[in-house]
Amino acid sequence: MTAALALLFKLLPLYITVALGWIAGRYLQASGRHIAGIMLYIVTPSVVFSGVMAAPLSPEVILLPFLVFALCSLIGLAHLWLARRMLHDGSASIIPLSVGTGNTGYFGIPVALLLFGEQGLALYIVCMLGTTLFENSVGFYLAARGRYGIRDALLRVARLPSVYAFGLAVVLNLSGVGIHEVLTPLFDNLRGAYSILGMMIIGMGILSFRGLAGNLRFTGLAFFGKFVIWPLVAVALWWLDAAVLGIYDSAVHQAIFLISITPIAANTVVIATLLDTAPRQAAGTALLSTLFALAFIPFMVAMVLS
């Protein structure tokens, strides 16, 4: 219980940041759309690049992002199939991003640092890159398909720099090339901007606190996939690897489990805003999931990881 309360206290600044974003959007006419472009094309690739460059890479570790990517894709595609049968307001294409990934960066990194320390944080970031790859490839493609044709959607995915940043960082890391100390403060500042701006975008997407849930079917399906199916998949993988496969240790299992219980990703709002595909629905549901996670994450951590 003490650990849960400490974690709850640690998360409070994230909620204050969301509130500040709402104030900026409501009273200062700040544009979340402009910030979303900066986040997707500049800040996120920088965080991906620096995270991979700092990680101790081995064949098993390099495979972790692709394992998480596969889980995100499986969950996202399954829920897209459901969404197309349940939702008829144009928002179905945002469901894969809502359930397949999570707020693993803006929200998850502070939690991982609290739970696992600096050494465990590096492993968590490597796992987290799988969600980033999903967001910037399959997730973005499926979201864009709700508004664009196959060719245009693929072209938009090809222009996203995060996938290229990941590949470049792996090559440089394995070649023994590191980030020069002169550039270290730059990447540290970009990592801070990643958390602050990402959470503020959620607040900017909410023009009114009335009717946050919007389409209740969308919100219910997103919550079911994010807070029920994803944790069950993570626990099943944990049991399978621990009991049968024996590939990874408990630190990896715990990192993937933490990814599974994070709220809906702020990047879902970023992408929905850029594509102009149900951005208010995405923002409202992401904010509700973030509020829900205030109690859900400490409870799950105390029950499973303690």
C-alpha atoms as a PDB file:
ATOM      1  CA  MET A   1       0.000   0.000   0.000  1.00  0.00           C
ATOM      2  CA  THR A   2       2.890   2.364   0.756  1.00  0.00           C
ATOM      3  CA  ALA A   3       4.320   1.778  -2.721  1.00  0.00           C
ATOM      4  CA  ALA A   4       0.913   2.416  -4.290  1.00  0.00           C
ATOM      5  CA  LEU A   5       0.528   5.725  -2.423  1.00  0.00           C
ATOM      6  CA  ALA A   6       4.063   6.780  -3.389  1.00  0.00           C
ATOM      7  CA  LEU A   7       3.308   6.018  -7.018  1.00  0.00           C
ATOM      8  CA  LEU A   8       0.008   7.896  -6.806  1.00  0.00           C
ATOM      9  CA  PHE A   9       1.855  10.953  -5.474  1.00  0.00           C
ATOM     10  CA  LYS A  10       4.456  10.623  -8.228  1.00  0.00           C
ATOM     11  CA  LEU A  11       1.770  10.745 -10.953  1.00  0.00           C
ATOM     12  CA  LEU A  12       0.147  13.985  -9.808  1.00  0.00           C
ATOM     13  CA  PRO A  13       2.403  16.295 -11.904  1.00  0.00           C
ATOM     14  CA  LEU A  14       1.186  14.526 -15.050  1.00  0.00           C
ATOM     15  CA  TYR A  15      -2.412  15.466 -14.273  1.00  0.00           C
ATOM     16  CA  ILE A  16      -1.427  19.051 -13.518  1.00  0.00           C
ATOM     17  CA  THR A  17       0.219  19.151 -16.961  1.00  0.00           C
ATOM     18  CA  VAL A  18      -3.013  17.963 -18.617  1.00  0.00           C
ATOM     19  CA  ALA A  19      -4.903  20.721 -16.780  1.00  0.00           C
ATOM     20  CA  LEU A  20      -2.389  23.322 -17.966  1.00  0.00           C
ATOM     21  CA  GLY A  21      -2.905  22.102 -21.532  1.00  0.00           C
ATOM     22  CA  TRP A  22      -6.652  22.539 -21.151  1.00  0.00           C
ATOM     23  CA  ILE A  23      -6.142  26.110 -19.868  1.00  0.00           C
ATOM     24  CA  ALA A  24      -3.843  26.863 -22.824  1.00  0.00           C
ATOM     25  CA  GLY A  25      -6.388  25.533 -25.315  1.00  0.00           C
ATOM     26  CA  ARG A  26      -9.421  27.058 -23.618  1.00  0.00           C
ATOM     27  CA  TYR A  27      -8.184  30.545 -22.774  1.00  0.00           C
ATOM     28  CA  LEU A  28      -5.018  31.106 -24.844  1.00  0.00           C
ATOM     29  CA  GLN A  29      -6.290  29.538 -28.099  1.00  0.00           C
ATOM     30  CA  ALA A  30      -3.165  27.339 -28.214  1.00  0.00           C
ATOM     31  CA  SER A  31      -3.250  24.961 -31.189  1.00  0.00           C
ATOM     32  CA  GLY A  32      -2.735  21.309 -30.402  1.00  0.00           C
ATOM     33  CA  ARG A  33      -2.477  20.592 -34.135  1.00  0.00           C
ATOM     34  CA  HIS A  34       0.745  22.580 -34.541  1.00  0.00           C
ATOM     35  CA  ILE A  35       2.305  21.019 -31.462  1.00  0.00           C
ATOM     36  CA  ALA A  36       1.223  17.572 -32.688  1.00  0.00           C
ATOM     37  CA  GLY A  37       3.298  18.016 -35.843  1.00  0.00           C
ATOM     38  CA  ILE A  38       6.358  19.035 -33.823  1.00  0.00           C
ATOM     39  CA  MET A  39       5.893  16.036 -31.540  1.00  0.00           C
ATOM     40  CA  LEU A  40       5.452  13.476 -34.301  1.00  0.00           C
ATOM     41  CA  TYR A  41       8.169  14.662 -36.668  1.00  0.00           C
ATOM     42  CA  ILE A  42      10.847  16.131 -34.352  1.00  0.00           C
ATOM     43  CA  VAL A  43      10.531  15.324 -30.634  1.00  0.00           C
ATOM     44  CA  THR A  44       9.421  11.664 -30.766  1.00  0.00           C
ATOM     45  CA  PRO A  45      12.154  10.578 -33.249  1.00  0.00           C
ATOM     46  CA  SER A  46      14.747  12.313 -31.061  1.00  0.00           C
ATOM     47  CA  VAL A  47      13.577  10.442 -27.945  1.00  0.00           C
ATOM     48  CA  VAL A  48      13.553   7.132 -29.840  1.00  0.00           C
ATOM     49  CA  PHE A  49      17.057   7.752 -31.159  1.00  0.00           C
ATOM     50  CA  SER A  50      18.575   8.701 -27.791  1.00  0.00           C
ATOM     51  CA  GLY A  51      16.811   5.843 -25.990  1.00  0.00           C
ATOM     52  CA  VAL A  52      18.157   3.176 -28.340  1.00  0.00           C
ATOM     53  CA  MET A  53      21.628   4.728 -28.304  1.00  0.00           C
ATOM     54  CA  ALA A  54      21.719   4.477 -24.492  1.00  0.00           C
ATOM     55  CA  ALA A  55      20.456   0.885 -24.270  1.00  0.00           C
ATOM     56  CA  PRO A  56      22.796  -2.126 -23.920  1.00  0.00           C
ATOM     57  CA  LEU A  57      21.874  -4.065 -27.060  1.00  0.00           C
ATOM     58  CA  SER A  58      22.009  -7.842 -27.516  1.00  0.00           C
ATOM     59  CA  PRO A  59      20.068 -10.063 -29.933  1.00  0.00           C
ATOM     60  CA  GLU A  60      17.464 -10.787 -27.256  1.00  0.00           C
ATOM     61  CA  VAL A  61      17.137  -7.110 -26.321  1.00  0.00           C
ATOM     62  CA  ILE A  62      16.932  -6.015 -29.971  1.00  0.00           C
ATOM     63  CA  LEU A  63      14.026  -8.442 -30.458  1.00  0.00           C
ATOM     64  CA  LEU A  64      12.035  -6.933 -27.574  1.00  0.00           C
ATOM     65  CA  PRO A  65      10.619  -3.954 -29.513  1.00  0.00           C
ATOM     66  CA  PHE A  66       9.473  -6.317 -32.261  1.00  0.00           C
ATOM     67  CA  LEU A  67       7.824  -8.613 -29.705  1.00  0.00           C
ATOM     68  CA  VAL A  68       5.919  -5.674 -28.213  1.00  0.00           C
ATOM     69  CA  PHE A  69       5.156  -4.397 -31.722  1.00  0.00           C
ATOM     70  CA  ALA A  70       3.618  -7.782 -32.602  1.00  0.00           C
ATOM     71  CA  LEU A  71       1.436  -7.738 -29.471  1.00  0.00           C
ATOM     72  CA  CYS A  72       0.285  -4.174 -30.200  1.00  0.00           C
ATOM     73  CA  SER A  73      -0.575  -5.114 -33.800  1.00  0.00           C
ATOM     74  CA  LEU A  74      -2.484  -8.245 -32.774  1.00  0.00           C
ATOM     75  CA  ILE A  75      -4.558  -6.399 -30.177  1.00  0.00           C
ATOM     76  CA  GLY A  76      -5.114  -3.396 -32.439  1.00  0.00           C
ATOM     77  CA  LEU A  77      -6.272  -5.421 -35.451  1.00  0.00           C
ATOM     78  CA  ALA A  78      -8.611  -7.567 -33.342  1.00  0.00           C
ATOM     79  CA  HIS A  79     -10.288  -4.487 -31.905  1.00  0.00           C
ATOM     80  CA  LEU A  80     -10.493  -2.796 -35.297  1.00  0.00           C
ATOM     81  CA  TRP A  81     -12.565  -5.777 -36.454  1.00  0.00           C
ATOM     82  CA  LEU A  82     -14.903  -5.195 -33.506  1.00  0.00           C
ATOM     83  CA  ALA A  83     -14.960  -1.419 -33.945  1.00  0.00           C
ATOM     84  CA  ARG A  84     -16.075  -1.612 -37.575  1.00  0.00           C
ATOM     85  CA  ARG A  85     -19.121  -3.546 -36.417  1.00  0.00           C
ATOM     86  CA  MET A  86     -19.896  -1.360 -33.395  1.00  0.00           C
ATOM     87  CA  LEU A  87     -19.009   2.191 -34.476  1.00  0.00           C
ATOM     88  CA  HIS A  88     -20.563   4.035 -37.408  1.00  0.00           C
ATOM     89  CA  ASP A  89     -19.436   7.628 -36.777  1.00  0.00           C
ATOM     90  CA  GLY A  90     -16.030   7.496 -38.496  1.00  0.00           C
ATOM     91  CA  SER A  91     -14.087   6.869 -35.288  1.00  0.00           C
ATOM     92  CA  ALA A  92     -13.426   3.121 -35.735  1.00  0.00           C
ATOM     93  CA  SER A  93     -10.034   3.688 -37.363  1.00  0.00           C
ATOM     94  CA  ILE A  94      -8.724   5.320 -34.153  1.00  0.00           C
ATOM     95  CA  ILE A  95      -9.521   2.249 -32.026  1.00  0.00           C
ATOM     96  CA  PRO A  96      -6.311   0.294 -32.923  1.00  0.00           C
ATOM     97  CA  LEU A  97      -4.182   3.185 -31.650  1.00  0.00           C
ATOM     98  CA  SER A  98      -6.370   3.553 -28.562  1.00  0.00           C
ATOM     99  CA  VAL A  99      -6.049  -0.076 -27.465  1.00  0.00           C
ATOM    100  CA  GLY A 100      -2.888  -1.357 -29.143  1.00  0.00           C
ATOM    101  CA  THR A 101      -0.433   1.073 -27.638  1.00  0.00           C
ATOM    102  CA  GLY A 102      -0.399   3.160 -24.465  1.00  0.00           C
ATOM    103  CA  ASN A 103       1.017   6.294 -22.910  1.00  0.00           C
ATOM    104  CA  THR A 104       4.294   4.441 -22.387  1.00  0.00           C
ATOM    105  CA  GLY A 105       6.500   7.497 -22.813  1.00  0.00           C
ATOM    106  CA  TYR A 106       4.895  10.612 -21.344  1.00  0.00           C
ATOM    107  CA  PHE A 107       3.227   8.591 -18.589  1.00  0.00           C
ATOM    108  CA  GLY A 108       5.144   5.309 -18.369  1.00  0.00           C
ATOM    109  CA  ILE A 109       8.737   6.575 -18.156  1.00  0.00           C
ATOM    110  CA  PRO A 110       8.266   8.387 -14.799  1.00  0.00           C
ATOM    111  CA  VAL A 111       6.476   5.304 -13.429  1.00  0.00           C
ATOM    112  CA  ALA A 112       9.204   2.947 -14.693  1.00  0.00           C
ATOM    113  CA  LEU A 113      11.894   5.111 -13.115  1.00  0.00           C
ATOM    114  CA  LEU A 114      10.070   4.988  -9.788  1.00  0.00           C
ATOM    115  CA  LEU A 115       9.532   1.215  -9.928  1.00  0.00           C
ATOM    116  CA  PHE A 116      12.684  -0.089 -11.625  1.00  0.00           C
ATOM    117  CA  GLY A 117      15.396   2.548 -11.139  1.00  0.00           C
ATOM    118  CA  GLU A 118      17.828   3.770 -13.814  1.00  0.00           C
ATOM    119  CA  GLN A 119      18.958   0.291 -14.895  1.00  0.00           C
ATOM    120  CA  GLY A 120      15.437  -1.058 -15.266  1.00  0.00           C
ATOM    121  CA  LEU A 121      14.364   2.140 -17.016  1.00  0.00           C
ATOM    122  CA  ALA A 122      16.741   1.482 -19.965  1.00  0.00           C
ATOM    123  CA  LEU A 123      15.187  -1.969 -20.471  1.00  0.00           C
ATOM    124  CA  TYR A 124      11.704  -0.485 -20.226  1.00  0.00           C
ATOM    125  CA  ILE A 125      12.551   2.118 -22.895  1.00  0.00           C
ATOM    126  CA  VAL A 126      13.698  -0.641 -25.280  1.00  0.00           C
ATOM    127  CA  CYS A 127      10.353  -2.442 -24.775  1.00  0.00           C
ATOM    128  CA  MET A 128       8.535   0.874 -25.107  1.00  0.00           C
ATOM    129  CA  LEU A 129      10.032   1.355 -28.565  1.00  0.00           C
ATOM    130  CA  GLY A 130       7.760  -1.451 -29.770  1.00  0.00           C
ATOM    131  CA  THR A 131       4.729   0.716 -29.036  1.00  0.00           C
ATOM    132  CA  THR A 132       6.406   3.653 -30.805  1.00  0.00           C
ATOM    133  CA  LEU A 133       7.036   1.486 -33.872  1.00  0.00           C
ATOM    134  CA  PHE A 134       3.387   0.404 -33.833  1.00  0.00           C
ATOM    135  CA  GLU A 135       2.156   3.993 -33.518  1.00  0.00           C
ATOM    136  CA  ASN A 136       4.315   5.130 -36.412  1.00  0.00           C
ATOM    137  CA  SER A 137       3.596   2.233 -38.770  1.00  0.00           C
ATOM    138  CA  VAL A 138       0.594  -0.093 -38.417  1.00  0.00           C
ATOM    139  CA  GLY A 139      -1.317   2.171 -36.031  1.00  0.00           C
ATOM    140  CA  PHE A 140      -0.826   5.295 -38.136  1.00  0.00           C
ATOM    141  CA  TYR A 141      -1.664   3.381 -41.317  1.00  0.00           C
ATOM    142  CA  LEU A 142      -4.928   2.012 -39.923  1.00  0.00           C
ATOM    143  CA  ALA A 143      -5.898   5.452 -38.620  1.00  0.00           C
ATOM    144  CA  ALA A 144      -5.074   7.083 -41.966  1.00  0.00           C
ATOM    145  CA  ARG A 145      -7.062   4.425 -43.837  1.00  0.00           C
ATOM    146  CA  GLY A 146     -10.153   5.830 -42.161  1.00  0.00           C
ATOM    147  CA  ARG A 147      -9.617   9.032 -44.156  1.00  0.00           C
ATOM    148  CA  TYR A 148      -7.205   8.233 -47.005  1.00  0.00           C
ATOM    149  CA  GLY A 149      -6.745   5.539 -49.622  1.00  0.00           C
ATOM    150  CA  ILE A 150      -4.161   2.768 -49.292  1.00  0.00           C
ATOM    151  CA  ARG A 151      -1.527   4.581 -51.384  1.00  0.00           C
ATOM    152  CA  ASP A 152      -1.866   7.895 -49.540  1.00  0.00           C
ATOM    153  CA  ALA A 153      -1.878   6.151 -46.152  1.00  0.00           C
ATOM    154  CA  LEU A 154       1.313   4.250 -46.982  1.00  0.00           C
ATOM    155  CA  LEU A 155       2.997   7.432 -48.202  1.00  0.00           C
ATOM    156  CA  ARG A 156       2.145   9.168 -44.933  1.00  0.00           C
ATOM    157  CA  VAL A 157       3.630   6.263 -42.964  1.00  0.00           C
ATOM    158  CA  ALA A 158       6.794   6.355 -45.095  1.00  0.00           C
ATOM    159  CA  ARG A 159       7.276  10.008 -44.192  1.00  0.00           C
ATOM    160  CA  LEU A 160       7.274   9.338 -40.435  1.00  0.00           C
ATOM    161  CA  PRO A 161      10.852   9.631 -39.130  1.00  0.00           C
ATOM    162  CA  SER A 162      10.647   7.567 -35.902  1.00  0.00           C
ATOM    163  CA  VAL A 163      11.120   4.221 -37.694  1.00  0.00           C
ATOM    164  CA  TYR A 164      14.237   5.550 -39.428  1.00  0.00           C
ATOM    165  CA  ALA A 165      15.527   6.989 -36.126  1.00  0.00           C
ATOM    166  CA  PHE A 166      15.184   3.544 -34.525  1.00  0.00           C
ATOM    167  CA  GLY A 167      17.067   1.784 -37.334  1.00  0.00           C
ATOM    168  CA  LEU A 168      19.859   4.375 -37.390  1.00  0.00           C
ATOM    169  CA  ALA A 169      20.306   4.189 -33.616  1.00  0.00           C
ATOM    170  CA  VAL A 170      20.569   0.377 -33.680  1.00  0.00           C
ATOM    171  CA  VAL A 171      23.276   0.526 -36.375  1.00  0.00           C
ATOM    172  CA  LEU A 172      25.268   3.230 -34.568  1.00  0.00           C
ATOM    173  CA  ASN A 173      24.922   1.533 -31.170  1.00  0.00           C
ATOM    174  CA  LEU A 174      26.118  -1.837 -32.474  1.00  0.00           C
ATOM    175  CA  SER A 175      28.980  -0.042 -34.249  1.00  0.00           C
ATOM    176  CA  GLY A 176      30.181   1.428 -30.974  1.00  0.00           C
ATOM    177  CA  VAL A 177      29.225   5.002 -31.839  1.00  0.00           C
ATOM    178  CA  GLY A 178      27.722   7.020 -28.997  1.00  0.00           C
ATOM    179  CA  ILE A 179      26.083  10.419 -28.585  1.00  0.00           C
ATOM    180  CA  HIS A 180      28.729  13.099 -28.053  1.00  0.00           C
ATOM    181  CA  GLU A 181      28.622  14.737 -24.638  1.00  0.00           C
ATOM    182  CA  VAL A 182      28.060  18.135 -26.260  1.00  0.00           C
ATOM    183  CA  LEU A 183      24.686  16.868 -27.551  1.00  0.00           C
ATOM    184  CA  THR A 184      23.602  15.147 -24.309  1.00  0.00           C
ATOM    185  CA  PRO A 185      21.842  18.236 -22.854  1.00  0.00           C
ATOM    186  CA  LEU A 186      19.916  18.641 -26.128  1.00  0.00           C
ATOM    187  CA  PHE A 187      18.500  15.116 -25.964  1.00  0.00           C
ATOM    188  CA  ASP A 188      17.767  15.498 -22.224  1.00  0.00           C
ATOM    189  CA  ASN A 189      15.753  18.648 -22.962  1.00  0.00           C
ATOM    190  CA  LEU A 190      13.884  16.947 -25.807  1.00  0.00           C
ATOM    191  CA  ARG A 191      12.969  14.089 -23.466  1.00  0.00           C
ATOM    192  CA  GLY A 192      11.506  16.622 -21.022  1.00  0.00           C
ATOM    193  CA  ALA A 193       9.582  18.340 -23.826  1.00  0.00           C
ATOM    194  CA  TYR A 194       8.280  14.903 -24.881  1.00  0.00           C
ATOM    195  CA  SER A 195       6.525  14.426 -21.541  1.00  0.00           C
ATOM    196  CA  ILE A 196       5.304  17.995 -21.023  1.00  0.00           C
ATOM    197  CA  LEU A 197       3.967  18.675 -24.520  1.00  0.00           C
ATOM    198  CA  GLY A 198       2.526  15.182 -24.890  1.00  0.00           C
ATOM    199  CA  MET A 199       0.385  15.497 -21.791  1.00  0.00           C
ATOM    200  CA  MET A 200      -0.618  19.091 -22.600  1.00  0.00           C
ATOM    201  CA  ILE A 201      -1.952  17.997 -26.004  1.00  0.00           C
ATOM    202  CA  ILE A 202      -4.508  15.826 -24.194  1.00  0.00           C
ATOM    203  CA  GLY A 203      -5.733  18.863 -22.280  1.00  0.00           C
ATOM    204  CA  MET A 204      -5.782  21.054 -25.401  1.00  0.00           C
ATOM    205  CA  GLY A 205      -8.062  18.552 -27.133  1.00  0.00           C
ATOM    206  CA  ILE A 206     -10.756  19.049 -24.491  1.00  0.00           C
ATOM    207  CA  LEU A 207     -12.784  22.193 -25.149  1.00  0.00           C
ATOM    208  CA  SER A 208     -15.366  21.294 -22.537  1.00  0.00           C
ATOM    209  CA  PHE A 209     -15.357  18.845 -19.633  1.00  0.00           C
ATOM    210  CA  ARG A 210     -18.990  17.995 -20.363  1.00  0.00           C
ATOM    211  CA  GLY A 211     -19.500  14.894 -22.462  1.00  0.00           C
ATOM    212  CA  LEU A 212     -15.894  13.709 -22.259  1.00  0.00           C
ATOM    213  CA  ALA A 213     -16.855  10.154 -23.117  1.00  0.00           C
ATOM    214  CA  GLY A 214     -18.508  11.208 -26.382  1.00  0.00           C
ATOM    215  CA  ASN A 215     -19.606   7.997 -28.100  1.00  0.00           C
ATOM    216  CA  LEU A 216     -19.967   5.586 -25.189  1.00  0.00           C
ATOM    217  CA  ARG A 217     -19.388   2.579 -27.455  1.00  0.00           C
ATOM    218  CA  PHE A 218     -16.029   3.994 -28.513  1.00  0.00           C
ATOM    219  CA  THR A 219     -15.024   4.727 -24.917  1.00  0.00           C
ATOM    220  CA  GLY A 220     -16.200   1.338 -23.662  1.00  0.00           C
ATOM    221  CA  LEU A 221     -14.388  -0.581 -26.396  1.00  0.00           C
ATOM    222  CA  ALA A 222     -11.211   1.457 -25.881  1.00  0.00           C
ATOM    223  CA  PHE A 223     -11.267   0.859 -22.112  1.00  0.00           C
ATOM    224  CA  PHE A 224     -11.975  -2.857 -22.545  1.00  0.00           C
ATOM    225  CA  GLY A 225      -9.053  -3.327 -24.910  1.00  0.00           C
ATOM    226  CA  LYS A 226      -6.642  -1.143 -22.977  1.00  0.00           C
ATOM    227  CA  PHE A 227      -7.354  -2.108 -19.377  1.00  0.00           C
ATOM    228  CA  VAL A 228      -8.625  -5.695 -19.725  1.00  0.00           C
ATOM    229  CA  ILE A 229      -7.288  -7.379 -22.866  1.00  0.00           C
ATOM    230  CA  TRP A 230      -3.781  -5.847 -22.913  1.00  0.00           C
ATOM    231  CA  PRO A 231      -2.990  -6.756 -19.250  1.00  0.00           C
ATOM    232  CA  LEU A 232      -4.367 -10.281 -19.783  1.00  0.00           C
ATOM    233  CA  VAL A 233      -2.124 -10.722 -22.849  1.00  0.00           C
ATOM    234  CA  ALA A 234       0.899  -9.444 -20.899  1.00  0.00           C
ATOM    235  CA  VAL A 235       0.242 -11.795 -17.973  1.00  0.00           C
ATOM    236  CA  ALA A 236      -0.277 -14.748 -20.352  1.00  0.00           C
ATOM    237  CA  LEU A 237       3.045 -13.978 -22.066  1.00  0.00           C
ATOM    238  CA  TRP A 238       4.736 -13.672 -18.659  1.00  0.00           C
ATOM    239  CA  TRP A 239       3.433 -17.105 -17.617  1.00  0.00           C
ATOM    240  CA  LEU A 240       4.316 -18.739 -20.970  1.00  0.00           C
ATOM    241  CA  ASP A 241       7.890 -17.456 -20.974  1.00  0.00           C
ATOM    242  CA  ALA A 242       8.494 -18.147 -17.278  1.00  0.00           C
ATOM    243  CA  ALA A 243       6.985 -21.642 -17.344  1.00  0.00           C
ATOM    244  CA  VAL A 244       7.877 -22.896 -20.834  1.00  0.00           C
ATOM    245  CA  LEU A 245      10.130 -20.756 -23.016  1.00  0.00           C
ATOM    246  CA  GLY A 246      12.591 -19.311 -20.494  1.00  0.00           C
ATOM    247  CA  ILE A 247      13.897 -16.583 -22.841  1.00  0.00           C
ATOM    248  CA  TYR A 248      13.630 -13.495 -20.652  1.00  0.00           C
ATOM    249  CA  ASP A 249      13.929 -12.772 -16.934  1.00  0.00           C
ATOM    250  CA  SER A 250      11.370 -11.140 -14.663  1.00  0.00           C
ATOM    251  CA  ALA A 251      12.655  -7.618 -15.404  1.00  0.00           C
ATOM    252  CA  VAL A 252      11.456  -7.936 -19.009  1.00  0.00           C
ATOM    253  CA  HIS A 253       8.132  -9.438 -17.932  1.00  0.00           C
ATOM    254  CA  GLN A 254       7.570  -6.552 -15.516  1.00  0.00           C
ATOM    255  CA  ALA A 255       8.467  -3.959 -18.164  1.00  0.00           C
ATOM    256  CA  ILE A 256       5.955  -5.407 -20.642  1.00  0.00           C
ATOM    257  CA  PHE A 257       3.315  -5.609 -17.919  1.00  0.00           C
ATOM    258  CA  LEU A 258       3.827  -1.933 -17.087  1.00  0.00           C
ATOM    259  CA  ILE A 259       3.395  -1.106 -20.775  1.00  0.00           C
ATOM    260  CA  SER A 260       0.102  -3.032 -20.747  1.00  0.00           C
ATOM    261  CA  ILE A 261      -1.453  -1.001 -17.906  1.00  0.00           C
ATOM    262  CA  THR A 262      -0.574   2.506 -19.091  1.00  0.00           C
ATOM    263  CA  PRO A 263      -3.513   4.703 -20.189  1.00  0.00           C
ATOM    264  CA  ILE A 264      -4.402   5.489 -23.788  1.00  0.00           C
ATOM    265  CA  ALA A 265      -1.460   7.133 -25.533  1.00  0.00           C
ATOM    266  CA  ALA A 266      -1.307  10.888 -25.929  1.00  0.00           C
ATOM    267  CA  ASN A 267       0.089  10.158 -29.405  1.00  0.00           C
ATOM    268  CA  THR A 268      -3.352   8.771 -30.260  1.00  0.00           C
ATOM    269  CA  VAL A 269      -4.623  12.321 -29.814  1.00  0.00           C
ATOM    270  CA  VAL A 270      -1.614  13.652 -31.759  1.00  0.00           C
ATOM    271  CA  ILE A 271      -2.352  11.390 -34.750  1.00  0.00           C
ATOM    272  CA  ALA A 272      -6.120  11.873 -34.574  1.00  0.00           C
ATOM    273  CA  THR A 273      -5.521  15.642 -34.574  1.00  0.00           C
ATOM    274  CA  LEU A 274      -3.141  15.512 -37.535  1.00  0.00           C
ATOM    275  CA  LEU A 275      -5.529  13.325 -39.537  1.00  0.00           C
ATOM    276  CA  ASP A 276      -8.608  15.239 -38.337  1.00  0.00           C
ATOM    277  CA  THR A 277     -10.235  11.908 -37.465  1.00  0.00           C
ATOM    278  CA  ALA A 278     -12.422  12.141 -34.326  1.00  0.00           C
ATOM    279  CA  PRO A 279      -9.833  14.231 -32.406  1.00  0.00           C
ATOM    280  CA  ARG A 280     -12.249  15.273 -29.643  1.00  0.00           C
ATOM    281  CA  GLN A 281     -13.378  11.685 -29.157  1.00  0.00           C
ATOM    282  CA  ALA A 282      -9.746  10.573 -28.926  1.00  0.00           C
ATOM    283  CA  ALA A 283      -8.819  13.401 -26.547  1.00  0.00           C
ATOM    284  CA  GLY A 284     -11.788  12.851 -24.256  1.00  0.00           C
ATOM    285  CA  THR A 285     -11.259   9.086 -24.046  1.00  0.00           C
ATOM    286  CA  ALA A 286      -7.496   9.528 -23.516  1.00  0.00           C
ATOM    287  CA  LEU A 287      -8.133  11.964 -20.675  1.00  0.00           C
ATOM    288  CA  LEU A 288     -10.700   9.653 -19.053  1.00  0.00           C
ATOM    289  CA  SER A 289      -8.236   6.756 -19.300  1.00  0.00           C
ATOM    290  CA  THR A 290      -5.527   8.911 -17.746  1.00  0.00           C
ATOM    291  CA  LEU A 291      -7.819   9.778 -14.834  1.00  0.00           C
ATOM    292  CA  PHE A 292      -8.780   6.117 -14.471  1.00  0.00           C
ATOM    293  CA  ALA A 293      -5.099   5.119 -14.468  1.00  0.00           C
ATOM    294  CA  LEU A 294      -4.498   7.303 -11.424  1.00  0.00           C
ATOM    295  CA  ALA A 295      -6.096   4.527  -9.350  1.00  0.00           C
ATOM    296  CA  PHE A 296      -5.706   1.578 -11.754  1.00  0.00           C
ATOM    297  CA  ILE A 297      -1.911   1.611 -12.065  1.00  0.00           C
ATOM    298  CA  PRO A 298      -1.123   1.758  -8.309  1.00  0.00           C
ATOM    299  CA  PHE A 299      -3.648  -1.035  -7.735  1.00  0.00           C
ATOM    300  CA  MET A 300      -2.207  -3.266 -10.471  1.00  0.00           C
ATOM    301  CA  VAL A 301       1.377  -2.546  -9.427  1.00  0.00           C
ATOM    302  CA  ALA A 302       0.598  -3.411  -5.803  1.00  0.00           C
ATOM    303  CA  MET A 303      -1.228  -6.595  -6.859  1.00  0.00           C
ATOM    304  CA  VAL A 304       1.173  -7.941  -9.518  1.00  0.00           C
ATOM    305  CA  LEU A 305       4.606  -6.301  -9.208  1.00  0.00           C
ATOM    306  CA  SER A 306       4.987  -5.956  -5.448  1.00  0.00           C
END
